[in-house]
Amino acid sequence: MALNIYHEARDQPLAGQLAVAQVVVNRTLHEDYPSSVCSVVKQKHQFSWLWDDISDKPYEKEAWKLSQQIAKSVLAGRTTEIVEGATHYHATSVTPGWSKRLERVVKIDKHIFYRSPIDTKEK
């Protein structure tokens, strides 16, 4: 979880980092995704940093420390849901085809967050 926050949102404000973490948690609750955080993060082709052949080792010390703190807080349930059940997001610089099939719920800094247009069934 911390690596995903770090690689996906370390250059964003706290809300953007929390939102990325919450998407991972929301996926664990959705029937279409694995039920563990690690399995969600490592699911093939879901998060580009994991499949780009570039080292995943964090190199920005303070950003890594903050990512770890955010991950712990989100996993412990100590944060408020700010992405309204979103299970997807993308950078504002791109428009993936799948975004047209989902309901846009919120834009936070450099990411746009989406959920299924139909209430999702939880595990």
PDB file of N, CA and C in Angstrom:
ATOM      1  N   MET A   1       0.829  -1.191   0.000  1.00  0.00           N
ATOM      2  CA  MET A   1       0.000   0.000   0.000  1.00  0.00           C
ATOM      3  C   MET A   1       0.874   1.255   0.000  1.00  0.00           C
ATOM      4  N   ALA A   2       1.869   1.286   0.866  1.00  0.00           N
ATOM      5  CA  ALA A   2       2.729   2.470   0.946  1.00  0.00           C
ATOM      6  C   ALA A   2       3.459   2.718  -0.370  1.00  0.00           C
ATOM      7  N   LEU A   3       3.944   1.662  -1.008  1.00  0.00           N
ATOM      8  CA  LEU A   3       4.616   1.840  -2.300  1.00  0.00           C
ATOM      9  C   LEU A   3       3.655   2.377  -3.354  1.00  0.00           C
ATOM     10  N   ASN A   4       2.422   1.935  -3.313  1.00  0.00           N
ATOM     11  CA  ASN A   4       1.452   2.432  -4.283  1.00  0.00           C
ATOM     12  C   ASN A   4       1.174   3.917  -4.061  1.00  0.00           C
ATOM     13  N   ILE A   5       1.001   4.306  -2.827  1.00  0.00           N
ATOM     14  CA  ILE A   5       0.804   5.723  -2.511  1.00  0.00           C
ATOM     15  C   ILE A   5       2.010   6.526  -2.986  1.00  0.00           C
ATOM     16  N   TYR A   6       3.182   6.036  -2.655  1.00  0.00           N
ATOM     17  CA  TYR A   6       4.422   6.718  -3.013  1.00  0.00           C
ATOM     18  C   TYR A   6       4.531   6.914  -4.533  1.00  0.00           C
ATOM     19  N   HIS A   7       4.375   5.844  -5.273  1.00  0.00           N
ATOM     20  CA  HIS A   7       4.590   5.929  -6.723  1.00  0.00           C
ATOM     21  C   HIS A   7       3.441   6.596  -7.470  1.00  0.00           C
ATOM     22  N   GLU A   8       2.245   6.492  -6.952  1.00  0.00           N
ATOM     23  CA  GLU A   8       1.096   7.063  -7.653  1.00  0.00           C
ATOM     24  C   GLU A   8       0.823   8.515  -7.268  1.00  0.00           C
ATOM     25  N   ALA A   9       1.196   8.933  -6.058  1.00  0.00           N
ATOM     26  CA  ALA A   9       0.719  10.240  -5.601  1.00  0.00           C
ATOM     27  C   ALA A   9       1.667  11.028  -4.710  1.00  0.00           C
ATOM     28  N   ARG A  10       2.930  10.675  -4.650  1.00  0.00           N
ATOM     29  CA  ARG A  10       3.825  11.377  -3.716  1.00  0.00           C
ATOM     30  C   ARG A  10       3.954  12.865  -4.007  1.00  0.00           C
ATOM     31  N   ASP A  11       3.673  13.274  -5.237  1.00  0.00           N
ATOM     32  CA  ASP A  11       3.785  14.687  -5.601  1.00  0.00           C
ATOM     33  C   ASP A  11       2.472  15.445  -5.383  1.00  0.00           C
ATOM     34  N   GLN A  12       1.519  14.806  -4.736  1.00  0.00           N
ATOM     35  CA  GLN A  12       0.217  15.420  -4.528  1.00  0.00           C
ATOM     36  C   GLN A  12       0.011  15.778  -3.057  1.00  0.00           C
ATOM     37  N   PRO A  13      -0.994  16.615  -2.795  1.00  0.00           N
ATOM     38  CA  PRO A  13      -1.280  16.944  -1.396  1.00  0.00           C
ATOM     39  C   PRO A  13      -1.807  15.715  -0.656  1.00  0.00           C
ATOM     40  N   LEU A  14      -1.916  15.841   0.634  1.00  0.00           N
ATOM     41  CA  LEU A  14      -2.368  14.736   1.483  1.00  0.00           C
ATOM     42  C   LEU A  14      -3.669  14.121   0.980  1.00  0.00           C
ATOM     43  N   ALA A  15      -4.630  14.937   0.594  1.00  0.00           N
ATOM     44  CA  ALA A  15      -5.919  14.411   0.123  1.00  0.00           C
ATOM     45  C   ALA A  15      -5.735  13.501  -1.082  1.00  0.00           C
ATOM     46  N   GLY A  16      -4.867  13.864  -1.996  1.00  0.00           N
ATOM     47  CA  GLY A  16      -4.622  13.033  -3.168  1.00  0.00           C
ATOM     48  C   GLY A  16      -3.984  11.705  -2.806  1.00  0.00           C
ATOM     49  N   GLN A  17      -3.101  11.713  -1.844  1.00  0.00           N
ATOM     50  CA  GLN A  17      -2.457  10.484  -1.396  1.00  0.00           C
ATOM     51  C   GLN A  17      -3.447   9.584  -0.659  1.00  0.00           C
ATOM     52  N   LEU A  18      -4.275  10.179   0.179  1.00  0.00           N
ATOM     53  CA  LEU A  18      -5.314   9.414   0.880  1.00  0.00           C
ATOM     54  C   LEU A  18      -6.288   8.795  -0.119  1.00  0.00           C
ATOM     55  N   ALA A  19      -6.648   9.548  -1.128  1.00  0.00           N
ATOM     56  CA  ALA A  19      -7.604   9.070  -2.125  1.00  0.00           C
ATOM     57  C   ALA A  19      -7.074   7.845  -2.864  1.00  0.00           C
ATOM     58  N   VAL A  20      -5.810   7.863  -3.236  1.00  0.00           N
ATOM     59  CA  VAL A  20      -5.199   6.712  -3.910  1.00  0.00           C
ATOM     60  C   VAL A  20      -5.241   5.492  -2.996  1.00  0.00           C
ATOM     61  N   ALA A  21      -4.938   5.678  -1.732  1.00  0.00           N
ATOM     62  CA  ALA A  21      -4.985   4.567  -0.781  1.00  0.00           C
ATOM     63  C   ALA A  21      -6.412   4.044  -0.623  1.00  0.00           C
ATOM     64  N   GLN A  22      -7.373   4.931  -0.590  1.00  0.00           N
ATOM     65  CA  GLN A  22      -8.750   4.514  -0.413  1.00  0.00           C
ATOM     66  C   GLN A  22      -9.272   3.722  -1.605  1.00  0.00           C
ATOM     67  N   VAL A  23      -8.816   4.034  -2.795  1.00  0.00           N
ATOM     68  CA  VAL A  23      -9.203   3.252  -3.969  1.00  0.00           C
ATOM     69  C   VAL A  23      -8.756   1.798  -3.800  1.00  0.00           C
ATOM     70  N   VAL A  24      -7.550   1.602  -3.294  1.00  0.00           N
ATOM     71  CA  VAL A  24      -7.062   0.235  -3.077  1.00  0.00           C
ATOM     72  C   VAL A  24      -7.960  -0.485  -2.081  1.00  0.00           C
ATOM     73  N   VAL A  25      -8.283   0.156  -0.984  1.00  0.00           N
ATOM     74  CA  VAL A  25      -9.165  -0.455   0.012  1.00  0.00           C
ATOM     75  C   VAL A  25     -10.546  -0.727  -0.592  1.00  0.00           C
ATOM     76  N   ASN A  26     -11.078   0.213  -1.337  1.00  0.00           N
ATOM     77  CA  ASN A  26     -12.387   0.019  -1.962  1.00  0.00           C
ATOM     78  C   ASN A  26     -12.381  -1.179  -2.905  1.00  0.00           C
ATOM     79  N   ARG A  27     -11.279  -1.390  -3.584  1.00  0.00           N
ATOM     80  CA  ARG A  27     -11.195  -2.556  -4.459  1.00  0.00           C
ATOM     81  C   ARG A  27     -11.223  -3.862  -3.661  1.00  0.00           C
ATOM     82  N   THR A  28     -10.616  -3.867  -2.499  1.00  0.00           N
ATOM     83  CA  THR A  28     -10.629  -5.105  -1.700  1.00  0.00           C
ATOM     84  C   THR A  28     -12.044  -5.472  -1.271  1.00  0.00           C
ATOM     85  N   LEU A  29     -12.929  -4.502  -1.245  1.00  0.00           N
ATOM     86  CA  LEU A  29     -14.319  -4.727  -0.837  1.00  0.00           C
ATOM     87  C   LEU A  29     -15.226  -5.061  -2.018  1.00  0.00           C
ATOM     88  N   HIS A  30     -14.720  -4.898  -3.217  1.00  0.00           N
ATOM     89  CA  HIS A  30     -15.515  -5.101  -4.432  1.00  0.00           C
ATOM     90  C   HIS A  30     -15.338  -6.517  -4.962  1.00  0.00           C
ATOM     91  N   GLU A  31     -16.416  -7.109  -5.416  1.00  0.00           N
ATOM     92  CA  GLU A  31     -16.380  -8.502  -5.875  1.00  0.00           C
ATOM     93  C   GLU A  31     -15.506  -8.735  -7.108  1.00  0.00           C
ATOM     94  N   ASP A  32     -15.208  -7.710  -7.860  1.00  0.00           N
ATOM     95  CA  ASP A  32     -14.411  -7.875  -9.081  1.00  0.00           C
ATOM     96  C   ASP A  32     -12.903  -7.825  -8.852  1.00  0.00           C
ATOM     97  N   TYR A  33     -12.494  -7.648  -7.610  1.00  0.00           N
ATOM     98  CA  TYR A  33     -11.067  -7.497  -7.310  1.00  0.00           C
ATOM     99  C   TYR A  33     -10.649  -8.450  -6.192  1.00  0.00           C
ATOM    100  N   PRO A  34      -9.347  -8.673  -6.071  1.00  0.00           N
ATOM    101  CA  PRO A  34      -8.869  -9.518  -4.963  1.00  0.00           C
ATOM    102  C   PRO A  34      -9.245  -8.900  -3.612  1.00  0.00           C
ATOM    103  N   SER A  35      -9.263  -9.719  -2.591  1.00  0.00           N
ATOM    104  CA  SER A  35      -9.695  -9.238  -1.277  1.00  0.00           C
ATOM    105  C   SER A  35      -8.548  -8.736  -0.392  1.00  0.00           C
ATOM    106  N   SER A  36      -7.315  -8.846  -0.849  1.00  0.00           N
ATOM    107  CA  SER A  36      -6.201  -8.334  -0.039  1.00  0.00           C
ATOM    108  C   SER A  36      -5.556  -7.131  -0.715  1.00  0.00           C
ATOM    109  N   VAL A  37      -5.038  -6.255   0.105  1.00  0.00           N
ATOM    110  CA  VAL A  37      -4.380  -5.046  -0.399  1.00  0.00           C
ATOM    111  C   VAL A  37      -3.219  -5.406  -1.317  1.00  0.00           C
ATOM    112  N   CYS A  38      -2.385  -6.327  -0.888  1.00  0.00           N
ATOM    113  CA  CYS A  38      -1.225  -6.707  -1.718  1.00  0.00           C
ATOM    114  C   CYS A  38      -1.658  -7.255  -3.074  1.00  0.00           C
ATOM    115  N   SER A  39      -2.688  -8.078  -3.074  1.00  0.00           N
ATOM    116  CA  SER A  39      -3.169  -8.652  -4.332  1.00  0.00           C
ATOM    117  C   SER A  39      -3.764  -7.588  -5.243  1.00  0.00           C
ATOM    118  N   VAL A  40      -4.448  -6.622  -4.673  1.00  0.00           N
ATOM    119  CA  VAL A  40      -4.996  -5.520  -5.474  1.00  0.00           C
ATOM    120  C   VAL A  40      -3.859  -4.715  -6.097  1.00  0.00           C
ATOM    121  N   VAL A  41      -2.886  -4.344  -5.300  1.00  0.00           N
ATOM    122  CA  VAL A  41      -1.778  -3.531  -5.807  1.00  0.00           C
ATOM    123  C   VAL A  41      -0.986  -4.271  -6.872  1.00  0.00           C
ATOM    124  N   LYS A  42      -0.779  -5.561  -6.670  1.00  0.00           N
ATOM    125  CA  LYS A  42       0.041  -6.343  -7.605  1.00  0.00           C
ATOM    126  C   LYS A  42      -0.743  -6.911  -8.781  1.00  0.00           C
ATOM    127  N   GLN A  43      -2.043  -6.660  -8.827  1.00  0.00           N
ATOM    128  CA  GLN A  43      -2.842  -7.179  -9.934  1.00  0.00           C
ATOM    129  C   GLN A  43      -2.306  -6.611 -11.246  1.00  0.00           C
ATOM    130  N   LYS A  44      -2.101  -7.485 -12.191  1.00  0.00           N
ATOM    131  CA  LYS A  44      -1.431  -7.121 -13.435  1.00  0.00           C
ATOM    132  C   LYS A  44      -2.096  -5.941 -14.148  1.00  0.00           C
ATOM    133  N   HIS A  45      -1.261  -4.996 -14.529  1.00  0.00           N
ATOM    134  CA  HIS A  45      -1.639  -3.819 -15.324  1.00  0.00           C
ATOM    135  C   HIS A  45      -2.611  -2.865 -14.646  1.00  0.00           C
ATOM    136  N   GLN A  46      -2.667  -2.868 -13.336  1.00  0.00           N
ATOM    137  CA  GLN A  46      -3.558  -1.948 -12.646  1.00  0.00           C
ATOM    138  C   GLN A  46      -2.859  -0.641 -12.264  1.00  0.00           C
ATOM    139  N   PHE A  47      -1.619  -0.721 -11.834  1.00  0.00           N
ATOM    140  CA  PHE A  47      -0.879   0.459 -11.424  1.00  0.00           C
ATOM    141  C   PHE A  47       0.432   0.480 -12.203  1.00  0.00           C
ATOM    142  N   SER A  48       0.594   1.494 -13.023  1.00  0.00           N
ATOM    143  CA  SER A  48       1.688   1.518 -14.003  1.00  0.00           C
ATOM    144  C   SER A  48       3.084   1.436 -13.395  1.00  0.00           C
ATOM    145  N   TRP A  49       3.275   1.979 -12.214  1.00  0.00           N
ATOM    146  CA  TRP A  49       4.618   1.979 -11.618  1.00  0.00           C
ATOM    147  C   TRP A  49       5.141   0.565 -11.399  1.00  0.00           C
ATOM    148  N   LEU A  50       4.253  -0.376 -11.208  1.00  0.00           N
ATOM    149  CA  LEU A  50       4.659  -1.754 -10.919  1.00  0.00           C
ATOM    150  C   LEU A  50       5.071  -2.513 -12.174  1.00  0.00           C
ATOM    151  N   TRP A  51       4.684  -2.006 -13.330  1.00  0.00           N
ATOM    152  CA  TRP A  51       4.911  -2.730 -14.585  1.00  0.00           C
ATOM    153  C   TRP A  51       5.741  -1.929 -15.583  1.00  0.00           C
ATOM    154  N   ASP A  52       6.483  -0.924 -15.110  1.00  0.00           N
ATOM    155  CA  ASP A  52       7.219  -0.052 -16.031  1.00  0.00           C
ATOM    156  C   ASP A  52       8.710  -0.372 -16.158  1.00  0.00           C
ATOM    157  N   ASP A  53       9.172  -1.446 -15.545  1.00  0.00           N
ATOM    158  CA  ASP A  53      10.580  -1.856 -15.602  1.00  0.00           C
ATOM    159  C   ASP A  53      11.549  -0.830 -15.014  1.00  0.00           C
ATOM    160  N   ILE A  54      11.062   0.039 -14.145  1.00  0.00           N
ATOM    161  CA  ILE A  54      11.894   1.005 -13.432  1.00  0.00           C
ATOM    162  C   ILE A  54      11.929   0.560 -11.969  1.00  0.00           C
ATOM    163  N   SER A  55      13.025   0.779 -11.299  1.00  0.00           N
ATOM    164  CA  SER A  55      13.149   0.384  -9.893  1.00  0.00           C
ATOM    165  C   SER A  55      11.992   0.941  -9.064  1.00  0.00           C
ATOM    166  N   ASP A  56      11.437   0.108  -8.205  1.00  0.00           N
ATOM    167  CA  ASP A  56      10.330   0.522  -7.348  1.00  0.00           C
ATOM    168  C   ASP A  56      10.806   1.025  -5.987  1.00  0.00           C
ATOM    169  N   LYS A  57      12.110   1.029  -5.800  1.00  0.00           N
ATOM    170  CA  LYS A  57      12.668   1.462  -4.521  1.00  0.00           C
ATOM    171  C   LYS A  57      12.432   2.968  -4.325  1.00  0.00           C
ATOM    172  N   PRO A  58      11.832   3.347  -3.198  1.00  0.00           N
ATOM    173  CA  PRO A  58      11.606   4.769  -2.928  1.00  0.00           C
ATOM    174  C   PRO A  58      12.928   5.519  -2.768  1.00  0.00           C
ATOM    175  N   TYR A  59      13.032   6.670  -3.354  1.00  0.00           N
ATOM    176  CA  TYR A  59      14.268   7.446  -3.268  1.00  0.00           C
ATOM    177  C   TYR A  59      14.070   8.813  -2.608  1.00  0.00           C
ATOM    178  N   GLU A  60      12.840   9.215  -2.410  1.00  0.00           N
ATOM    179  CA  GLU A  60      12.557  10.471  -1.706  1.00  0.00           C
ATOM    180  C   GLU A  60      12.172  10.119  -0.269  1.00  0.00           C
ATOM    181  N   LYS A  61      13.112  10.335   0.649  1.00  0.00           N
ATOM    182  CA  LYS A  61      12.964   9.886   2.036  1.00  0.00           C
ATOM    183  C   LYS A  61      11.694  10.382   2.725  1.00  0.00           C
ATOM    184  N   GLU A  62      11.437  11.672   2.654  1.00  0.00           N
ATOM    185  CA  GLU A  62      10.273  12.237   3.348  1.00  0.00           C
ATOM    186  C   GLU A  62       8.965  11.767   2.724  1.00  0.00           C
ATOM    187  N   ALA A  63       8.932  11.693   1.405  1.00  0.00           N
ATOM    188  CA  ALA A  63       7.723  11.218   0.721  1.00  0.00           C
ATOM    189  C   ALA A  63       7.449   9.759   1.082  1.00  0.00           C
ATOM    190  N   TRP A  64       8.503   8.953   1.187  1.00  0.00           N
ATOM    191  CA  TRP A  64       8.348   7.548   1.555  1.00  0.00           C
ATOM    192  C   TRP A  64       7.817   7.423   2.984  1.00  0.00           C
ATOM    193  N   LYS A  65       8.359   8.218   3.876  1.00  0.00           N
ATOM    194  CA  LYS A  65       7.911   8.195   5.272  1.00  0.00           C
ATOM    195  C   LYS A  65       6.427   8.569   5.365  1.00  0.00           C
ATOM    196  N   LEU A  66       6.017   9.602   4.631  1.00  0.00           N
ATOM    197  CA  LEU A  66       4.615  10.020   4.637  1.00  0.00           C
ATOM    198  C   LEU A  66       3.725   8.939   4.026  1.00  0.00           C
ATOM    199  N   SER A  67       4.172   8.307   2.955  1.00  0.00           N
ATOM    200  CA  SER A  67       3.400   7.227   2.330  1.00  0.00           C
ATOM    201  C   SER A  67       3.145   6.092   3.317  1.00  0.00           C
ATOM    202  N   GLN A  68       4.160   5.764   4.093  1.00  0.00           N
ATOM    203  CA  GLN A  68       4.005   4.703   5.094  1.00  0.00           C
ATOM    204  C   GLN A  68       3.003   5.110   6.177  1.00  0.00           C
ATOM    205  N   GLN A  69       3.059   6.359   6.609  1.00  0.00           N
ATOM    206  CA  GLN A  69       2.130   6.842   7.636  1.00  0.00           C
ATOM    207  C   GLN A  69       0.697   6.838   7.119  1.00  0.00           C
ATOM    208  N   ILE A  70       0.517   7.264   5.880  1.00  0.00           N
ATOM    209  CA  ILE A  70      -0.822   7.281   5.281  1.00  0.00           C
ATOM    210  C   ILE A  70      -1.354   5.856   5.158  1.00  0.00           C
ATOM    211  N   ALA A  71      -0.518   4.956   4.684  1.00  0.00           N
ATOM    212  CA  ALA A  71      -0.943   3.558   4.537  1.00  0.00           C
ATOM    213  C   ALA A  71      -1.405   2.988   5.878  1.00  0.00           C
ATOM    214  N   LYS A  72      -0.640   3.221   6.925  1.00  0.00           N
ATOM    215  CA  LYS A  72      -1.016   2.715   8.246  1.00  0.00           C
ATOM    216  C   LYS A  72      -2.354   3.287   8.697  1.00  0.00           C
ATOM    217  N   SER A  73      -2.553   4.572   8.493  1.00  0.00           N
ATOM    218  CA  SER A  73      -3.799   5.219   8.916  1.00  0.00           C
ATOM    219  C   SER A  73      -5.002   4.701   8.144  1.00  0.00           C
ATOM    220  N   VAL A  74      -4.844   4.567   6.833  1.00  0.00           N
ATOM    221  CA  VAL A  74      -5.952   4.085   6.005  1.00  0.00           C
ATOM    222  C   VAL A  74      -6.276   2.635   6.351  1.00  0.00           C
ATOM    223  N   LEU A  75      -5.268   1.806   6.463  1.00  0.00           N
ATOM    224  CA  LEU A  75      -5.498   0.392   6.770  1.00  0.00           C
ATOM    225  C   LEU A  75      -6.090   0.186   8.159  1.00  0.00           C
ATOM    226  N   ALA A  76      -5.810   1.102   9.072  1.00  0.00           N
ATOM    227  CA  ALA A  76      -6.353   1.011  10.426  1.00  0.00           C
ATOM    228  C   ALA A  76      -7.759   1.625  10.514  1.00  0.00           C
ATOM    229  N   GLY A  77      -8.226   2.182   9.411  1.00  0.00           N
ATOM    230  CA  GLY A  77      -9.559   2.779   9.400  1.00  0.00           C
ATOM    231  C   GLY A  77      -9.638   4.120  10.089  1.00  0.00           C
ATOM    232  N   ARG A  78      -8.513   4.821  10.175  1.00  0.00           N
ATOM    233  CA  ARG A  78      -8.476   6.104  10.875  1.00  0.00           C
ATOM    234  C   ARG A  78      -8.630   7.305   9.951  1.00  0.00           C
ATOM    235  N   THR A  79      -9.104   7.088   8.735  1.00  0.00           N
ATOM    236  CA  THR A  79      -9.285   8.202   7.804  1.00  0.00           C
ATOM    237  C   THR A  79     -10.729   8.240   7.324  1.00  0.00           C
ATOM    238  N   THR A  80     -11.149   9.392   6.880  1.00  0.00           N
ATOM    239  CA  THR A  80     -12.491   9.579   6.343  1.00  0.00           C
ATOM    240  C   THR A  80     -12.486   9.273   4.853  1.00  0.00           C
ATOM    241  N   GLU A  81     -13.496   8.566   4.395  1.00  0.00           N
ATOM    242  CA  GLU A  81     -13.650   8.243   2.976  1.00  0.00           C
ATOM    243  C   GLU A  81     -13.868   9.539   2.197  1.00  0.00           C
ATOM    244  N   ILE A  82     -13.003   9.822   1.239  1.00  0.00           N
ATOM    245  CA  ILE A  82     -13.135  11.060   0.454  1.00  0.00           C
ATOM    246  C   ILE A  82     -13.356  10.796  -1.034  1.00  0.00           C
ATOM    247  N   VAL A  83     -13.378   9.526  -1.434  1.00  0.00           N
ATOM    248  CA  VAL A  83     -13.551   9.214  -2.860  1.00  0.00           C
ATOM    249  C   VAL A  83     -14.890   8.528  -3.149  1.00  0.00           C
ATOM    250  N   GLU A  84     -15.793   8.551  -2.185  1.00  0.00           N
ATOM    251  CA  GLU A  84     -17.165   8.075  -2.386  1.00  0.00           C
ATOM    252  C   GLU A  84     -17.239   6.681  -3.006  1.00  0.00           C
ATOM    253  N   GLY A  85     -16.415   5.766  -2.521  1.00  0.00           N
ATOM    254  CA  GLY A  85     -16.449   4.391  -2.998  1.00  0.00           C
ATOM    255  C   GLY A  85     -15.732   4.148  -4.316  1.00  0.00           C
ATOM    256  N   ALA A  86     -14.961   5.086  -4.774  1.00  0.00           N
ATOM    257  CA  ALA A  86     -14.267   4.943  -6.059  1.00  0.00           C
ATOM    258  C   ALA A  86     -13.348   3.725  -6.075  1.00  0.00           C
ATOM    259  N   THR A  87     -13.322   3.056  -7.210  1.00  0.00           N
ATOM    260  CA  THR A  87     -12.438   1.903  -7.401  1.00  0.00           C
ATOM    261  C   THR A  87     -11.450   2.136  -8.543  1.00  0.00           C
ATOM    262  N   HIS A  88     -11.525   3.294  -9.160  1.00  0.00           N
ATOM    263  CA  HIS A  88     -10.643   3.608 -10.290  1.00  0.00           C
ATOM    264  C   HIS A  88     -10.216   5.066 -10.219  1.00  0.00           C
ATOM    265  N   TYR A  89      -9.094   5.343 -10.817  1.00  0.00           N
ATOM    266  CA  TYR A  89      -8.663   6.725 -11.004  1.00  0.00           C
ATOM    267  C   TYR A  89      -7.653   6.762 -12.138  1.00  0.00           C
ATOM    268  N   HIS A  90      -7.458   7.942 -12.648  1.00  0.00           N
ATOM    269  CA  HIS A  90      -6.406   8.152 -13.640  1.00  0.00           C
ATOM    270  C   HIS A  90      -5.890   9.574 -13.507  1.00  0.00           C
ATOM    271  N   ALA A  91      -4.715   9.784 -14.045  1.00  0.00           N
ATOM    272  CA  ALA A  91      -4.120  11.123 -14.044  1.00  0.00           C
ATOM    273  C   ALA A  91      -4.939  12.032 -14.954  1.00  0.00           C
ATOM    274  N   THR A  92      -4.979  13.305 -14.627  1.00  0.00           N
ATOM    275  CA  THR A  92      -5.728  14.258 -15.443  1.00  0.00           C
ATOM    276  C   THR A  92      -5.123  14.427 -16.831  1.00  0.00           C
ATOM    277  N   SER A  93      -3.909  13.985 -17.003  1.00  0.00           N
ATOM    278  CA  SER A  93      -3.221  14.137 -18.293  1.00  0.00           C
ATOM    279  C   SER A  93      -3.619  13.089 -19.329  1.00  0.00           C
ATOM    280  N   VAL A  94      -4.427  12.101 -18.934  1.00  0.00           N
ATOM    281  CA  VAL A  94      -4.850  11.045 -19.858  1.00  0.00           C
ATOM    282  C   VAL A  94      -6.364  10.836 -19.746  1.00  0.00           C
ATOM    283  N   THR A  95      -6.932  10.168 -20.747  1.00  0.00           N
ATOM    284  CA  THR A  95      -8.346   9.810 -20.715  1.00  0.00           C
ATOM    285  C   THR A  95      -8.483   8.371 -21.190  1.00  0.00           C
ATOM    286  N   PRO A  96      -8.366   7.426 -20.275  1.00  0.00           N
ATOM    287  CA  PRO A  96      -8.482   6.018 -20.672  1.00  0.00           C
ATOM    288  C   PRO A  96      -9.900   5.678 -21.126  1.00  0.00           C
ATOM    289  N   GLY A  97     -10.008   4.718 -22.032  1.00  0.00           N
ATOM    290  CA  GLY A  97     -11.306   4.313 -22.550  1.00  0.00           C
ATOM    291  C   GLY A  97     -12.276   3.869 -21.480  1.00  0.00           C
ATOM    292  N   TRP A  98     -11.784   3.203 -20.440  1.00  0.00           N
ATOM    293  CA  TRP A  98     -12.675   2.705 -19.392  1.00  0.00           C
ATOM    294  C   TRP A  98     -13.380   3.824 -18.631  1.00  0.00           C
ATOM    295  N   SER A  99     -12.828   5.033 -18.657  1.00  0.00           N
ATOM    296  CA  SER A  99     -13.419   6.124 -17.870  1.00  0.00           C
ATOM    297  C   SER A  99     -14.829   6.482 -18.337  1.00  0.00           C
ATOM    298  N   LYS A 100     -15.146   6.216 -19.591  1.00  0.00           N
ATOM    299  CA  LYS A 100     -16.469   6.525 -20.127  1.00  0.00           C
ATOM    300  C   LYS A 100     -17.548   5.586 -19.582  1.00  0.00           C
ATOM    301  N   ARG A 101     -17.151   4.425 -19.092  1.00  0.00           N
ATOM    302  CA  ARG A 101     -18.100   3.432 -18.579  1.00  0.00           C
ATOM    303  C   ARG A 101     -18.387   3.604 -17.087  1.00  0.00           C
ATOM    304  N   LEU A 102     -17.642   4.471 -16.429  1.00  0.00           N
ATOM    305  CA  LEU A 102     -17.781   4.628 -14.982  1.00  0.00           C
ATOM    306  C   LEU A 102     -18.313   6.001 -14.618  1.00  0.00           C
ATOM    307  N   GLU A 103     -18.760   6.129 -13.391  1.00  0.00           N
ATOM    308  CA  GLU A 103     -19.287   7.394 -12.891  1.00  0.00           C
ATOM    309  C   GLU A 103     -18.161   8.204 -12.244  1.00  0.00           C
ATOM    310  N   ARG A 104     -17.939   9.385 -12.768  1.00  0.00           N
ATOM    311  CA  ARG A 104     -16.920  10.272 -12.182  1.00  0.00           C
ATOM    312  C   ARG A 104     -17.453  10.787 -10.846  1.00  0.00           C
ATOM    313  N   VAL A 105     -16.618  10.682  -9.797  1.00  0.00           N
ATOM    314  CA  VAL A 105     -17.088  11.129  -8.482  1.00  0.00           C
ATOM    315  C   VAL A 105     -16.339  12.335  -7.939  1.00  0.00           C
ATOM    316  N   VAL A 106     -15.056  12.422  -8.207  1.00  0.00           N
ATOM    317  CA  VAL A 106     -14.315  13.555  -7.657  1.00  0.00           C
ATOM    318  C   VAL A 106     -12.968  13.713  -8.372  1.00  0.00           C
ATOM    319  N   LYS A 107     -12.519  14.945  -8.454  1.00  0.00           N
ATOM    320  CA  LYS A 107     -11.171  15.236  -8.957  1.00  0.00           C
ATOM    321  C   LYS A 107     -10.388  15.770  -7.769  1.00  0.00           C
ATOM    322  N   ILE A 108      -9.248  15.166  -7.506  1.00  0.00           N
ATOM    323  CA  ILE A 108      -8.373  15.628  -6.432  1.00  0.00           C
ATOM    324  C   ILE A 108      -7.002  15.832  -7.032  1.00  0.00           C
ATOM    325  N   ASP A 109      -6.586  17.057  -7.098  1.00  0.00           N
ATOM    326  CA  ASP A 109      -5.300  17.450  -7.659  1.00  0.00           C
ATOM    327  C   ASP A 109      -5.117  16.850  -9.047  1.00  0.00           C
ATOM    328  N   LYS A 110      -4.181  15.944  -9.238  1.00  0.00           N
ATOM    329  CA  LYS A 110      -3.853  15.422 -10.565  1.00  0.00           C
ATOM    330  C   LYS A 110      -4.549  14.114 -10.924  1.00  0.00           C
ATOM    331  N   HIS A 111      -5.549  13.705 -10.145  1.00  0.00           N
ATOM    332  CA  HIS A 111      -6.277  12.461 -10.424  1.00  0.00           C
ATOM    333  C   HIS A 111      -7.782  12.691 -10.457  1.00  0.00           C
ATOM    334  N   ILE A 112      -8.446  11.903 -11.306  1.00  0.00           N
ATOM    335  CA  ILE A 112      -9.905  11.883 -11.357  1.00  0.00           C
ATOM    336  C   ILE A 112     -10.329  10.491 -10.903  1.00  0.00           C
ATOM    337  N   PHE A 113     -11.311  10.433 -10.001  1.00  0.00           N
ATOM    338  CA  PHE A 113     -11.738   9.176  -9.378  1.00  0.00           C
ATOM    339  C   PHE A 113     -13.123   8.770  -9.863  1.00  0.00           C
ATOM    340  N   TYR A 114     -13.304   7.447 -10.027  1.00  0.00           N
ATOM    341  CA  TYR A 114     -14.533   6.889 -10.590  1.00  0.00           C
ATOM    342  C   TYR A 114     -15.019   5.690  -9.783  1.00  0.00           C
ATOM    343  N   ARG A 115     -16.324   5.420  -9.931  1.00  0.00           N
ATOM    344  CA  ARG A 115     -16.908   4.192  -9.392  1.00  0.00           C
ATOM    345  C   ARG A 115     -17.882   3.649 -10.433  1.00  0.00           C
ATOM    346  N   SER A 116     -18.319   2.435 -10.199  1.00  0.00           N
ATOM    347  CA  SER A 116     -19.300   1.821 -11.077  1.00  0.00           C
ATOM    348  C   SER A 116     -20.577   2.648 -11.022  1.00  0.00           C
ATOM    349  N   PRO A 117     -21.235   2.839 -12.169  1.00  0.00           N
ATOM    350  CA  PRO A 117     -22.467   3.639 -12.164  1.00  0.00           C
ATOM    351  C   PRO A 117     -23.617   2.953 -11.426  1.00  0.00           C
ATOM    352  N   ILE A 118     -23.477   1.659 -11.201  1.00  0.00           N
ATOM    353  CA  ILE A 118     -24.459   0.896 -10.452  1.00  0.00           C
ATOM    354  C   ILE A 118     -23.851   0.574  -9.102  1.00  0.00           C
ATOM    355  N   ASP A 119     -24.633   0.637  -8.061  1.00  0.00           N
ATOM    356  CA  ASP A 119     -24.102   0.288  -6.739  1.00  0.00           C
ATOM    357  C   ASP A 119     -23.405  -1.060  -6.826  1.00  0.00           C
ATOM    358  N   THR A 120     -22.181  -1.108  -6.344  1.00  0.00           N
ATOM    359  CA  THR A 120     -21.403  -2.333  -6.421  1.00  0.00           C
ATOM    360  C   THR A 120     -21.789  -3.285  -5.304  1.00  0.00           C
ATOM    361  N   LYS A 121     -21.689  -4.548  -5.601  1.00  0.00           N
ATOM    362  CA  LYS A 121     -21.940  -5.572  -4.589  1.00  0.00           C
ATOM    363  C   LYS A 121     -20.662  -5.752  -3.792  1.00  0.00           C
ATOM    364  N   GLU A 122     -20.784  -5.769  -2.498  1.00  0.00           N
ATOM    365  CA  GLU A 122     -19.605  -5.975  -1.670  1.00  0.00           C
ATOM    366  C   GLU A 122     -19.479  -7.442  -1.308  1.00  0.00           C
ATOM    367  N   LYS A 123     -18.250  -7.836  -1.008  1.00  0.00           N
ATOM    368  CA  LYS A 123     -17.979  -9.223  -0.612  1.00  0.00           C
ATOM    369  C   LYS A 123     -18.607  -9.530   0.721  1.00  0.00           C
TER     370      LYS A 123
END
